[in-house]
Amino acid sequence: MSKLISIDSVVGVSPYDVYICDDTATNCFYITTTSTIPYTFEIPPPYDQLTTYILKLVDAQGCIITNTGG
C-alpha cells in the first residue's frame, strides 16, 4: 500500500528541495524541488516500507527543516 505525504505549510524561503529519509537521516532520497505549498507526494520504494521516516526540506537559503512521521 502506498504512503502519501502532504506538506500543508512550511516556514522558510521557497523554493524547497524535498527529501524523504530513513529514521536516522543517514539515507535520503530526493523527491523534487517545489515552490507550491501545499504539496503531496507518494513515498517511493523502498522508503515506503519504513515504519518511521524523516521528511527533510531545504529552503532557498540552505535552511534545513525536518519532521518525523510514520
N, C-alpha and C. Protein backbone atom coordinates (compact mmCIF):
# COMPACT_ATOMS: atom_id res chain seq x y z
N MET A 1 0.84 -1.18 0.00
CA MET A 1 0.00 0.00 0.00
C MET A 1 0.88 1.24 0.00
N SER A 2 0.56 2.18 -0.84
CA SER A 2 1.39 3.37 -0.95
C SER A 2 1.11 4.32 0.22
N LYS A 3 2.13 5.11 0.55
CA LYS A 3 2.02 6.11 1.60
C LYS A 3 2.13 7.48 0.96
N LEU A 4 1.19 8.35 1.30
CA LEU A 4 1.21 9.71 0.80
C LEU A 4 1.66 10.65 1.90
N ILE A 5 2.46 11.63 1.53
CA ILE A 5 2.91 12.68 2.43
C ILE A 5 2.30 13.99 1.93
N SER A 6 1.71 14.74 2.83
CA SER A 6 1.18 16.06 2.50
C SER A 6 1.90 17.11 3.31
N ILE A 7 2.45 18.08 2.62
CA ILE A 7 3.08 19.23 3.27
C ILE A 7 2.06 20.35 3.16
N ASP A 8 1.45 20.70 4.29
CA ASP A 8 0.38 21.68 4.29
C ASP A 8 0.89 23.11 4.47
N SER A 9 1.97 23.25 5.23
CA SER A 9 2.57 24.57 5.42
C SER A 9 4.03 24.40 5.80
N VAL A 10 4.81 25.43 5.55
CA VAL A 10 6.23 25.38 5.86
C VAL A 10 6.73 26.82 6.01
N VAL A 11 7.67 26.99 6.94
CA VAL A 11 8.33 28.29 7.06
C VAL A 11 9.62 28.24 6.27
N GLY A 12 10.13 29.36 5.89
CA GLY A 12 11.35 29.41 5.10
C GLY A 12 11.10 30.15 3.80
N VAL A 13 12.10 30.08 2.94
CA VAL A 13 12.06 30.80 1.66
C VAL A 13 12.01 29.78 0.53
N SER A 14 10.99 29.88 -0.31
CA SER A 14 10.87 28.93 -1.43
C SER A 14 11.86 29.31 -2.53
N PRO A 15 12.22 28.37 -3.37
CA PRO A 15 11.71 27.01 -3.47
C PRO A 15 12.34 26.09 -2.42
N TYR A 16 11.71 24.91 -2.26
CA TYR A 16 12.14 23.92 -1.28
C TYR A 16 12.57 22.64 -1.99
N ASP A 17 13.72 22.10 -1.62
CA ASP A 17 14.12 20.76 -2.05
C ASP A 17 13.50 19.79 -1.06
N VAL A 18 12.79 18.79 -1.56
CA VAL A 18 12.06 17.84 -0.72
C VAL A 18 12.78 16.49 -0.76
N TYR A 19 13.02 15.93 0.43
CA TYR A 19 13.66 14.62 0.57
C TYR A 19 12.84 13.77 1.53
N ILE A 20 12.92 12.45 1.36
CA ILE A 20 12.42 11.50 2.35
C ILE A 20 13.63 10.72 2.83
N CYS A 21 13.76 10.57 4.15
CA CYS A 21 14.95 9.94 4.73
C CYS A 21 14.55 8.81 5.67
N ASP A 22 15.49 7.88 5.92
CA ASP A 22 15.24 6.88 6.94
C ASP A 22 15.23 7.55 8.31
N ASP A 23 14.90 6.81 9.35
CA ASP A 23 14.71 7.41 10.66
C ASP A 23 15.98 7.94 11.32
N THR A 24 17.14 7.68 10.72
CA THR A 24 18.39 8.24 11.24
C THR A 24 18.89 9.39 10.36
N ALA A 25 18.18 9.64 9.27
CA ALA A 25 18.56 10.66 8.27
C ALA A 25 19.91 10.37 7.64
N THR A 26 20.34 9.11 7.70
CA THR A 26 21.59 8.69 7.06
C THR A 26 21.40 8.54 5.56
N ASN A 27 20.27 7.99 5.17
CA ASN A 27 19.96 7.77 3.76
C ASN A 27 18.74 8.60 3.38
N CYS A 28 18.92 9.50 2.43
CA CYS A 28 17.84 10.37 1.99
C CYS A 28 17.66 10.23 0.48
N PHE A 29 16.42 10.35 0.04
CA PHE A 29 16.08 10.26 -1.37
C PHE A 29 15.45 11.58 -1.80
N TYR A 30 16.01 12.20 -2.82
CA TYR A 30 15.49 13.45 -3.34
C TYR A 30 14.18 13.19 -4.06
N ILE A 31 13.15 13.98 -3.71
CA ILE A 31 11.84 13.85 -4.34
C ILE A 31 11.67 14.88 -5.45
N THR A 32 11.81 16.17 -5.11
CA THR A 32 11.60 17.24 -6.08
C THR A 32 12.00 18.57 -5.48
N THR A 33 11.95 19.61 -6.31
CA THR A 33 12.04 20.99 -5.84
C THR A 33 10.70 21.64 -6.15
N THR A 34 10.12 22.30 -5.14
CA THR A 34 8.80 22.90 -5.34
C THR A 34 8.70 24.26 -4.65
N SER A 35 7.91 25.11 -5.24
CA SER A 35 7.54 26.38 -4.62
C SER A 35 6.07 26.35 -4.24
N THR A 36 5.38 25.27 -4.61
CA THR A 36 3.95 25.15 -4.39
C THR A 36 3.66 24.41 -3.09
N ILE A 37 3.07 25.11 -2.13
CA ILE A 37 2.64 24.51 -0.88
C ILE A 37 1.16 24.85 -0.74
N PRO A 38 0.26 23.93 -0.50
CA PRO A 38 0.51 22.55 -0.10
C PRO A 38 1.04 21.69 -1.25
N TYR A 39 1.76 20.63 -0.86
CA TYR A 39 2.37 19.71 -1.82
C TYR A 39 2.17 18.29 -1.29
N THR A 40 1.75 17.37 -2.14
CA THR A 40 1.54 15.98 -1.76
C THR A 40 2.31 15.08 -2.70
N PHE A 41 2.94 14.04 -2.13
CA PHE A 41 3.67 13.08 -2.95
C PHE A 41 3.58 11.70 -2.34
N GLU A 42 3.85 10.71 -3.16
CA GLU A 42 3.87 9.31 -2.73
C GLU A 42 5.30 8.93 -2.37
N ILE A 43 5.47 8.27 -1.22
CA ILE A 43 6.81 7.82 -0.81
C ILE A 43 7.24 6.69 -1.74
N PRO A 44 8.41 6.82 -2.40
CA PRO A 44 8.86 5.78 -3.34
C PRO A 44 9.46 4.58 -2.61
N PRO A 45 9.47 3.40 -3.28
CA PRO A 45 10.15 2.24 -2.71
C PRO A 45 11.65 2.49 -2.65
N PRO A 46 12.39 1.93 -1.75
CA PRO A 46 11.95 1.09 -0.64
C PRO A 46 11.56 1.89 0.60
N TYR A 47 11.58 3.23 0.52
CA TYR A 47 11.26 4.08 1.67
C TYR A 47 9.81 3.91 2.11
N ASP A 48 8.93 3.47 1.22
CA ASP A 48 7.53 3.27 1.57
C ASP A 48 7.33 2.12 2.57
N GLN A 49 8.37 1.31 2.77
CA GLN A 49 8.30 0.21 3.72
C GLN A 49 8.73 0.61 5.13
N LEU A 50 9.27 1.81 5.29
CA LEU A 50 9.72 2.26 6.61
C LEU A 50 8.54 2.51 7.53
N THR A 51 8.70 2.16 8.81
CA THR A 51 7.66 2.46 9.79
C THR A 51 7.82 3.87 10.33
N THR A 52 9.04 4.39 10.32
CA THR A 52 9.32 5.76 10.73
C THR A 52 10.24 6.37 9.69
N TYR A 53 9.96 7.61 9.33
CA TYR A 53 10.76 8.29 8.32
C TYR A 53 10.91 9.75 8.72
N ILE A 54 11.81 10.44 8.03
CA ILE A 54 12.02 11.86 8.24
C ILE A 54 11.77 12.59 6.93
N LEU A 55 10.90 13.58 6.98
CA LEU A 55 10.69 14.47 5.86
C LEU A 55 11.68 15.62 6.02
N LYS A 56 12.47 15.85 5.00
CA LYS A 56 13.50 16.90 5.05
C LYS A 56 13.28 17.88 3.92
N LEU A 57 13.23 19.16 4.26
CA LEU A 57 13.13 20.23 3.28
C LEU A 57 14.35 21.13 3.42
N VAL A 58 14.89 21.56 2.32
CA VAL A 58 15.99 22.53 2.32
C VAL A 58 15.48 23.73 1.54
N ASP A 59 15.43 24.90 2.22
CA ASP A 59 14.88 26.08 1.55
C ASP A 59 15.94 26.78 0.71
N ALA A 60 15.55 27.86 0.05
CA ALA A 60 16.42 28.58 -0.88
C ALA A 60 17.64 29.18 -0.21
N GLN A 61 17.58 29.36 1.12
CA GLN A 61 18.72 29.91 1.86
C GLN A 61 19.57 28.83 2.51
N GLY A 62 19.26 27.55 2.23
CA GLY A 62 20.04 26.45 2.75
C GLY A 62 19.60 25.98 4.14
N CYS A 63 18.52 26.55 4.67
CA CYS A 63 17.99 26.11 5.98
C CYS A 63 17.35 24.74 5.83
N ILE A 64 17.59 23.86 6.80
CA ILE A 64 17.04 22.50 6.79
C ILE A 64 15.87 22.44 7.75
N ILE A 65 14.74 21.96 7.25
CA ILE A 65 13.53 21.82 8.03
C ILE A 65 13.19 20.33 8.02
N THR A 66 13.01 19.72 9.21
CA THR A 66 12.70 18.30 9.27
C THR A 66 11.44 18.04 10.09
N ASN A 67 10.83 16.90 9.82
CA ASN A 67 9.68 16.45 10.58
C ASN A 67 9.66 14.93 10.51
N THR A 68 9.42 14.31 11.66
CA THR A 68 9.38 12.84 11.72
C THR A 68 7.95 12.36 11.58
N GLY A 69 7.78 11.30 10.82
CA GLY A 69 6.45 10.72 10.63
C GLY A 69 6.52 9.21 10.63
N GLY A 70 5.39 8.61 10.53
CA GLY A 70 5.34 7.16 10.48
C GLY A 70 4.00 6.62 10.78
